[in-house]
Amino acid sequence: MPSRRPSRYTITTATAALPTAPPMPGPPLPDSVHQTRIPRIKLMAIREASLPYPARRISHSQHVFELLHDYFHGHDREEMLAILLDSKNCIIGLHTISIGSLTLSIVHPRETFKAAVLMNAAALILAHNHPSGDATPSSEDRTLTARLTQAGDLLGIRVLDHVVVGDNRYVSFADQGWLVPTSSA
C-alpha cells in the first residue's frame, strides 16, 4: 500500500468531512469520488534563546554593531539576520534568515519576512557578517538590499538598514545613503 502524507486525508463524501457545512453547489458527487481534506494550520513564533543587550531601542547603526559584533565573532560562514522592530524601533526579536558558505548566503524575501509577519513587526534591520573580516558590501549585497526593501514596502514592513559586520568594523547602508527610497506604508 502506498504511504500517504500525514497532512492529507481521504474521505468518501463531502458531508463526512464537514458535517455542518452547507451543501456544495451543483450536482451531488457520486459516492465513488474521493475528496481531500484541507489541513488547518497554525503558525507560531517560538523563542529559542536570547542575546544580552543593554538597550532595547535601536536608533543608530552603531547599536546594531554592538548587538551583533560578539554574536558574529568567529563565524566561519555568512549568516543573514533580521532584527525585528516594533513601531518605536524596540527589538521584538532576532531571526536567522540564512546560513551560507564562506562567501555567500542565499536569501529570499519569503524567508526574510516570514518571522517579521508572525511577530507583527513594523520594521526590520538586516544584518550579516563577512567572515573574511572585510565589511565592504558586495554588489550582490546591494542588489539584495534593494530587492528586500521593495518586498518590505509591499508588506508594509520597513527595511530601516542593512548592516554588514566585519572584524571590528561595519558598514551601514542607511549611513551610506544606499537604501532605496520607499513609499510610506
C-alpha atoms as a PDB file:
ATOM      1  CA  MET A   1       0.000   0.000   0.000  1.00  0.00           C
ATOM      2  CA  PRO A   2       1.496   3.403  -0.923  1.00  0.00           C
ATOM      3  CA  SER A   3       2.252   5.660   2.022  1.00  0.00           C
ATOM      4  CA  ARG A   4       0.209   8.811   2.406  1.00  0.00           C
ATOM      5  CA  ARG A   5       1.335  12.232   3.557  1.00  0.00           C
ATOM      6  CA  PRO A   6       0.214  12.817   7.152  1.00  0.00           C
ATOM      7  CA  SER A   7      -1.458  16.135   6.318  1.00  0.00           C
ATOM      8  CA  ARG A   8      -3.882  14.654   3.748  1.00  0.00           C
ATOM      9  CA  TYR A   9      -6.971  12.589   4.473  1.00  0.00           C
ATOM     10  CA  THR A  10      -9.222  10.766   2.049  1.00  0.00           C
ATOM     11  CA  ILE A  11     -12.945  10.581   2.715  1.00  0.00           C
ATOM     12  CA  THR A  12     -15.831   9.316   0.662  1.00  0.00           C
ATOM     13  CA  THR A  13     -18.356  12.127   0.976  1.00  0.00           C
ATOM     14  CA  ALA A  14     -18.098  15.850   1.455  1.00  0.00           C
ATOM     15  CA  THR A  15     -20.604  15.743   4.313  1.00  0.00           C
ATOM     16  CA  ALA A  16     -18.428  13.324   6.289  1.00  0.00           C
ATOM     17  CA  ALA A  17     -15.581  15.848   6.198  1.00  0.00           C
ATOM     18  CA  LEU A  18     -17.667  18.888   7.051  1.00  0.00           C
ATOM     19  CA  PRO A  19     -20.839  17.790   8.823  1.00  0.00           C
ATOM     20  CA  THR A  20     -22.002  21.372   9.470  1.00  0.00           C
ATOM     21  CA  ALA A  21     -21.032  22.747   6.057  1.00  0.00           C
ATOM     22  CA  PRO A  22     -23.792  23.849   3.704  1.00  0.00           C
ATOM     23  CA  PRO A  23     -24.377  21.603   0.696  1.00  0.00           C
ATOM     24  CA  MET A  24     -21.948  22.063  -2.158  1.00  0.00           C
ATOM     25  CA  PRO A  25     -23.412  23.853  -5.190  1.00  0.00           C
ATOM     26  CA  GLY A  26     -24.030  21.821  -8.307  1.00  0.00           C
ATOM     27  CA  PRO A  27     -24.952  18.207  -8.724  1.00  0.00           C
ATOM     28  CA  PRO A  28     -24.067  15.856  -5.871  1.00  0.00           C
ATOM     29  CA  LEU A  29     -20.826  13.954  -6.161  1.00  0.00           C
ATOM     30  CA  PRO A  30     -21.050  10.210  -6.679  1.00  0.00           C
ATOM     31  CA  ASP A  31     -20.044   8.076  -3.698  1.00  0.00           C
ATOM     32  CA  SER A  32     -17.066   6.792  -5.670  1.00  0.00           C
ATOM     33  CA  VAL A  33     -15.433  10.259  -5.845  1.00  0.00           C
ATOM     34  CA  HIS A  34     -12.912  10.840  -3.093  1.00  0.00           C
ATOM     35  CA  GLN A  35     -12.451  14.218  -1.502  1.00  0.00           C
ATOM     36  CA  THR A  36      -9.237  15.515   0.029  1.00  0.00           C
ATOM     37  CA  ARG A  37      -9.338  17.253   3.371  1.00  0.00           C
ATOM     38  CA  ILE A  38      -7.571  20.564   3.646  1.00  0.00           C
ATOM     39  CA  PRO A  39      -5.444  20.688   6.791  1.00  0.00           C
ATOM     40  CA  ARG A  40      -5.952  23.606   9.152  1.00  0.00           C
ATOM     41  CA  ILE A  41      -2.652  25.088  10.212  1.00  0.00           C
ATOM     42  CA  LYS A  42      -1.418  27.328  12.977  1.00  0.00           C
ATOM     43  CA  LEU A  43       1.772  29.360  12.649  1.00  0.00           C
ATOM     44  CA  MET A  44       3.680  30.249  15.782  1.00  0.00           C
ATOM     45  CA  ALA A  45       6.869  32.046  16.675  1.00  0.00           C
ATOM     46  CA  ILE A  46       8.823  30.115  19.288  1.00  0.00           C
ATOM     47  CA  ARG A  47      11.511  31.744  21.427  1.00  0.00           C
ATOM     48  CA  GLU A  48      14.757  29.782  21.085  1.00  0.00           C
ATOM     49  CA  ALA A  49      17.278  31.786  23.073  1.00  0.00           C
ATOM     50  CA  SER A  50      18.214  35.374  23.806  1.00  0.00           C
ATOM     51  CA  LEU A  51      21.175  37.694  23.438  1.00  0.00           C
ATOM     52  CA  PRO A  52      22.197  40.148  26.143  1.00  0.00           C
ATOM     53  CA  TYR A  53      21.753  43.749  25.038  1.00  0.00           C
ATOM     54  CA  PRO A  54      21.724  46.810  27.340  1.00  0.00           C
ATOM     55  CA  ALA A  55      19.237  48.909  25.348  1.00  0.00           C
ATOM     56  CA  ARG A  56      16.185  47.542  23.584  1.00  0.00           C
ATOM     57  CA  ARG A  57      15.674  50.529  21.287  1.00  0.00           C
ATOM     58  CA  ILE A  58      17.714  50.779  18.080  1.00  0.00           C
ATOM     59  CA  SER A  59      18.367  54.363  16.992  1.00  0.00           C
ATOM     60  CA  HIS A  60      21.719  54.106  15.192  1.00  0.00           C
ATOM     61  CA  SER A  61      23.720  51.596  13.172  1.00  0.00           C
ATOM     62  CA  GLN A  62      26.329  51.548  15.972  1.00  0.00           C
ATOM     63  CA  HIS A  63      23.677  49.892  18.172  1.00  0.00           C
ATOM     64  CA  VAL A  64      23.320  47.097  15.602  1.00  0.00           C
ATOM     65  CA  PHE A  65      27.089  46.607  15.534  1.00  0.00           C
ATOM     66  CA  GLU A  66      27.232  46.474  19.347  1.00  0.00           C
ATOM     67  CA  LEU A  67      24.434  43.915  19.413  1.00  0.00           C
ATOM     68  CA  LEU A  68      25.899  41.611  16.765  1.00  0.00           C
ATOM     69  CA  HIS A  69      29.697  42.004  16.905  1.00  0.00           C
ATOM     70  CA  ASP A  70      30.175  39.351  19.586  1.00  0.00           C
ATOM     71  CA  TYR A  71      27.469  37.155  18.055  1.00  0.00           C
ATOM     72  CA  PHE A  72      29.242  37.041  14.682  1.00  0.00           C
ATOM     73  CA  HIS A  73      32.747  36.738  16.148  1.00  0.00           C
ATOM     74  CA  GLY A  74      34.373  33.506  14.976  1.00  0.00           C
ATOM     75  CA  HIS A  75      31.671  32.572  12.467  1.00  0.00           C
ATOM     76  CA  ASP A  76      33.255  30.800   9.510  1.00  0.00           C
ATOM     77  CA  ARG A  77      30.205  31.229   7.249  1.00  0.00           C
ATOM     78  CA  GLU A  78      27.990  34.119   6.241  1.00  0.00           C
ATOM     79  CA  GLU A  79      24.832  34.430   8.283  1.00  0.00           C
ATOM     80  CA  MET A  80      21.961  36.774   7.462  1.00  0.00           C
ATOM     81  CA  LEU A  81      19.797  38.032  10.314  1.00  0.00           C
ATOM     82  CA  ALA A  82      16.719  40.205  10.666  1.00  0.00           C
ATOM     83  CA  ILE A  83      16.374  42.370  13.741  1.00  0.00           C
ATOM     84  CA  LEU A  84      12.617  42.696  14.156  1.00  0.00           C
ATOM     85  CA  LEU A  85      11.337  46.011  15.489  1.00  0.00           C
ATOM     86  CA  ASP A  86       8.053  47.388  16.746  1.00  0.00           C
ATOM     87  CA  SER A  87       6.706  50.804  15.751  1.00  0.00           C
ATOM     88  CA  LYS A  88       9.043  52.538  18.252  1.00  0.00           C
ATOM     89  CA  ASN A  89      12.141  50.677  16.970  1.00  0.00           C
ATOM     90  CA  CYS A  90      12.325  48.480  20.064  1.00  0.00           C
ATOM     91  CA  ILE A  91      13.655  44.989  19.389  1.00  0.00           C
ATOM     92  CA  ILE A  92      10.974  42.306  19.471  1.00  0.00           C
ATOM     93  CA  GLY A  93      13.077  39.515  18.010  1.00  0.00           C
ATOM     94  CA  LEU A  94      16.176  38.376  16.178  1.00  0.00           C
ATOM     95  CA  HIS A  95      15.654  35.937  13.317  1.00  0.00           C
ATOM     96  CA  THR A  96      18.273  33.918  11.413  1.00  0.00           C
ATOM     97  CA  ILE A  97      17.243  34.131   7.775  1.00  0.00           C
ATOM     98  CA  SER A  98      20.038  32.083   6.242  1.00  0.00           C
ATOM     99  CA  ILE A  99      23.391  30.489   6.999  1.00  0.00           C
ATOM    100  CA  GLY A 100      25.514  30.172   3.900  1.00  0.00           C
ATOM    101  CA  SER A 101      29.097  29.468   2.937  1.00  0.00           C
ATOM    102  CA  LEU A 102      32.326  31.385   3.391  1.00  0.00           C
ATOM    103  CA  THR A 103      31.400  33.923   0.729  1.00  0.00           C
ATOM    104  CA  LEU A 104      27.632  33.866   0.284  1.00  0.00           C
ATOM    105  CA  SER A 105      24.306  33.245   1.905  1.00  0.00           C
ATOM    106  CA  ILE A 106      21.187  32.588  -0.171  1.00  0.00           C
ATOM    107  CA  VAL A 107      18.388  34.889   0.904  1.00  0.00           C
ATOM    108  CA  HIS A 108      14.850  35.125  -0.433  1.00  0.00           C
ATOM    109  CA  PRO A 109      12.172  37.672   0.541  1.00  0.00           C
ATOM    110  CA  ARG A 110       9.844  34.849   1.613  1.00  0.00           C
ATOM    111  CA  GLU A 111      12.192  33.702   4.375  1.00  0.00           C
ATOM    112  CA  THR A 112      13.260  37.238   5.234  1.00  0.00           C
ATOM    113  CA  PHE A 113       9.775  38.473   6.080  1.00  0.00           C
ATOM    114  CA  LYS A 114       8.189  35.286   7.432  1.00  0.00           C
ATOM    115  CA  ALA A 115       9.212  35.931  11.042  1.00  0.00           C
ATOM    116  CA  ALA A 116       8.507  39.658  10.718  1.00  0.00           C
ATOM    117  CA  VAL A 117       4.912  38.919   9.725  1.00  0.00           C
ATOM    118  CA  LEU A 118       4.488  36.358  12.536  1.00  0.00           C
ATOM    119  CA  MET A 119       5.875  38.785  15.121  1.00  0.00           C
ATOM    120  CA  ASN A 120       3.821  41.738  13.822  1.00  0.00           C
ATOM    121  CA  ALA A 121       6.991  43.722  13.206  1.00  0.00           C
ATOM    122  CA  ALA A 122       6.608  47.279  11.935  1.00  0.00           C
ATOM    123  CA  ALA A 123      10.172  47.363  10.629  1.00  0.00           C
ATOM    124  CA  LEU A 124      13.352  45.349  10.454  1.00  0.00           C
ATOM    125  CA  ILE A 125      17.068  45.801  10.111  1.00  0.00           C
ATOM    126  CA  LEU A 126      19.020  43.348   8.007  1.00  0.00           C
ATOM    127  CA  ALA A 127      22.470  42.349   9.153  1.00  0.00           C
ATOM    128  CA  HIS A 128      25.040  39.848   8.016  1.00  0.00           C
ATOM    129  CA  ASN A 129      28.677  39.078   8.580  1.00  0.00           C
ATOM    130  CA  HIS A 130      31.620  38.787   6.224  1.00  0.00           C
ATOM    131  CA  PRO A 131      33.839  36.014   7.628  1.00  0.00           C
ATOM    132  CA  SER A 132      36.787  37.496   5.706  1.00  0.00           C
ATOM    133  CA  GLY A 133      36.675  40.423   8.128  1.00  0.00           C
ATOM    134  CA  ASP A 134      36.181  42.980   5.335  1.00  0.00           C
ATOM    135  CA  ALA A 135      32.829  44.703   5.937  1.00  0.00           C
ATOM    136  CA  THR A 136      32.682  46.213   2.430  1.00  0.00           C
ATOM    137  CA  PRO A 137      29.304  45.258   0.885  1.00  0.00           C
ATOM    138  CA  SER A 138      29.406  43.372  -2.407  1.00  0.00           C
ATOM    139  CA  SER A 139      27.335  44.288  -5.453  1.00  0.00           C
ATOM    140  CA  GLU A 140      25.143  41.275  -4.579  1.00  0.00           C
ATOM    141  CA  ASP A 141      24.592  42.767  -1.115  1.00  0.00           C
ATOM    142  CA  ARG A 142      23.378  45.997  -2.716  1.00  0.00           C
ATOM    143  CA  THR A 143      21.079  44.210  -5.165  1.00  0.00           C
ATOM    144  CA  LEU A 144      19.620  42.033  -2.408  1.00  0.00           C
ATOM    145  CA  THR A 145      19.016  45.020  -0.159  1.00  0.00           C
ATOM    146  CA  ALA A 146      17.112  46.848  -2.900  1.00  0.00           C
ATOM    147  CA  ARG A 147      15.004  43.749  -3.556  1.00  0.00           C
ATOM    148  CA  LEU A 148      14.211  43.187   0.122  1.00  0.00           C
ATOM    149  CA  THR A 149      13.382  46.866   0.615  1.00  0.00           C
ATOM    150  CA  GLN A 150      10.847  46.639  -2.225  1.00  0.00           C
ATOM    151  CA  ALA A 151       9.361  43.454  -0.758  1.00  0.00           C
ATOM    152  CA  GLY A 152       9.074  45.108   2.645  1.00  0.00           C
ATOM    153  CA  ASP A 153       7.341  48.029   1.006  1.00  0.00           C
ATOM    154  CA  LEU A 154       4.675  45.705  -0.408  1.00  0.00           C
ATOM    155  CA  LEU A 155       4.157  44.096   3.002  1.00  0.00           C
ATOM    156  CA  GLY A 156       4.163  47.348   4.966  1.00  0.00           C
ATOM    157  CA  ILE A 157       7.303  46.333   6.886  1.00  0.00           C
ATOM    158  CA  ARG A 158      10.013  48.961   6.510  1.00  0.00           C
ATOM    159  CA  VAL A 159      13.637  47.934   5.988  1.00  0.00           C
ATOM    160  CA  LEU A 160      15.462  50.574   8.032  1.00  0.00           C
ATOM    161  CA  ASP A 161      19.037  49.460   7.383  1.00  0.00           C
ATOM    162  CA  HIS A 162      21.334  46.682   6.253  1.00  0.00           C
ATOM    163  CA  VAL A 163      24.480  46.410   8.344  1.00  0.00           C
ATOM    164  CA  VAL A 164      27.455  44.352   7.159  1.00  0.00           C
ATOM    165  CA  VAL A 165      29.691  43.302  10.060  1.00  0.00           C
ATOM    166  CA  GLY A 166      33.394  42.582   9.679  1.00  0.00           C
ATOM    167  CA  ASP A 167      36.343  42.471  12.084  1.00  0.00           C
ATOM    168  CA  ASN A 168      35.870  45.432  14.439  1.00  0.00           C
ATOM    169  CA  ARG A 169      34.109  47.484  11.775  1.00  0.00           C
ATOM    170  CA  TYR A 170      30.792  47.645   9.998  1.00  0.00           C
ATOM    171  CA  VAL A 171      29.161  49.313   7.015  1.00  0.00           C
ATOM    172  CA  SER A 172      25.604  50.627   7.243  1.00  0.00           C
ATOM    173  CA  PHE A 173      23.557  51.041   4.066  1.00  0.00           C
ATOM    174  CA  ALA A 174      21.469  53.760   5.761  1.00  0.00           C
ATOM    175  CA  ASP A 175      24.562  55.699   6.881  1.00  0.00           C
ATOM    176  CA  GLN A 176      25.969  55.499   3.355  1.00  0.00           C
ATOM    177  CA  GLY A 177      22.680  56.619   1.759  1.00  0.00           C
ATOM    178  CA  TRP A 178      22.394  53.347  -0.198  1.00  0.00           C
ATOM    179  CA  LEU A 179      18.888  52.331   0.846  1.00  0.00           C
ATOM    180  CA  VAL A 180      16.369  52.575  -1.964  1.00  0.00           C
ATOM    181  CA  PRO A 181      13.733  55.173  -1.005  1.00  0.00           C
ATOM    182  CA  THR A 182      10.433  53.505  -0.160  1.00  0.00           C
ATOM    183  CA  SER A 183       6.913  54.788  -0.259  1.00  0.00           C
ATOM    184  CA  SER A 184       5.226  55.351   3.063  1.00  0.00           C
ATOM    185  CA  ALA A 185       3.176  52.325   4.057  1.00  0.00           C
END
